[in-house]
Protein backbone atom coordinates (compact mmCIF):
# COMPACT_ATOMS: atom_id res chain seq x y z
CA UNK A 1 -1.10 27.19 37.51
CA UNK A 2 0.50 23.87 38.40
CA UNK A 3 -2.56 21.96 37.17
CA UNK A 4 -2.43 23.84 33.88
CA UNK A 5 1.15 22.71 33.19
CA UNK A 6 0.47 19.23 34.43
CA UNK A 7 -2.45 18.91 32.02
CA UNK A 8 -0.49 20.48 29.15
CA UNK A 9 2.45 18.10 29.59
CA UNK A 10 0.08 15.16 29.93
CA UNK A 11 -1.61 16.17 26.65
CA UNK A 12 1.78 16.44 24.94
CA UNK A 13 2.71 13.01 26.24
CA UNK A 14 -0.49 11.47 24.87
CA UNK A 15 -0.04 13.25 21.56
CA UNK A 16 3.54 11.97 21.28
CA UNK A 17 2.36 8.41 21.97
CA UNK A 18 -0.33 8.67 19.31
CA UNK A 19 2.11 10.13 16.77
CA UNK A 20 4.55 7.33 17.56
CA UNK A 21 1.86 4.76 16.76
CA UNK A 22 1.16 6.51 13.44
CA UNK A 23 4.87 6.57 12.63
CA UNK A 24 5.23 2.88 13.45
CA UNK A 25 2.27 1.98 11.23
CA UNK A 26 3.62 4.07 8.36
CA UNK A 27 7.06 2.50 8.74
CA UNK A 28 5.60 -1.00 8.61
CA UNK A 29 3.58 -0.08 5.51
CA UNK A 30 6.65 1.27 3.72
CA UNK A 31 8.64 -1.77 4.78
CA UNK A 32 5.97 -4.12 3.37
CA UNK A 33 5.75 -2.16 0.12
CA UNK A 34 9.52 -2.22 -0.24
CA UNK A 35 9.62 -5.96 0.30
CA UNK A 36 6.87 -6.48 -2.29
CA UNK A 37 8.77 -4.36 -4.80
CA UNK A 38 11.94 -6.34 -4.11
CA UNK A 39 10.14 -9.65 -4.59
CA UNK A 40 8.61 -8.40 -7.83
CA UNK A 41 12.00 -7.27 -9.12
CA UNK A 42 13.51 -10.60 -8.13
CA UNK A 43 10.72 -12.46 -9.93
CA UNK A 44 11.27 -10.40 -13.07
CA UNK A 45 14.77 -11.88 -13.22
CA UNK A 46 13.27 -15.35 -13.65
CA UNK A 47 12.02 -15.64 -17.26
CA UNK A 48 9.26 -18.14 -16.45
CA UNK A 49 7.80 -16.04 -13.64
CA UNK A 50 8.12 -12.91 -15.78
CA UNK A 51 6.20 -14.57 -18.61
CA UNK A 52 3.47 -15.69 -16.22
CA UNK A 53 3.17 -12.22 -14.69
CA UNK A 54 3.05 -10.56 -18.11
CA UNK A 55 0.39 -13.03 -19.31
CA UNK A 56 -1.71 -12.41 -16.19
CA UNK A 57 -1.48 -8.67 -16.78
CA UNK A 58 -2.52 -9.08 -20.43
CA UNK A 59 -5.44 -11.28 -19.38
CA UNK A 60 -6.62 -8.58 -16.96
CA UNK A 61 -6.38 -5.94 -19.70
CA UNK A 62 -8.34 -8.13 -22.13
CA UNK A 63 -11.05 -8.74 -19.50
CA UNK A 64 -11.30 -4.99 -18.81
CA UNK A 65 -11.55 -4.24 -22.53
CA UNK A 66 -14.27 -6.88 -22.97
CA UNK A 67 -16.24 -5.32 -20.11
CA UNK A 68 -16.01 -1.92 -21.77
CA UNK A 69 -17.18 -3.42 -25.07
CA UNK A 70 -20.17 -5.08 -23.39
CA UNK A 71 -20.98 -1.87 -21.55
CA UNK A 72 -20.85 0.13 -24.78
CA UNK A 73 -23.09 -2.37 -26.59
CA UNK A 74 -25.70 -2.26 -23.81
CA UNK A 75 -26.08 1.53 -23.92
């Protein structure tokens, strides 16, 4: 009986350690995402950076549209 409880508590301890690692990783991911969002919001306050970001986004959309056009022509 003693071995049963010893093993059960040991399993719980290992599970808690593993869950803690998952929680730490998730926290770091949320922290990094939050920082990226903050930096993006800060950059949007600067008109020059905002213009550059908007132009880059438009360029990506144009490239994607051109790919779709080429794909449609080749069918």
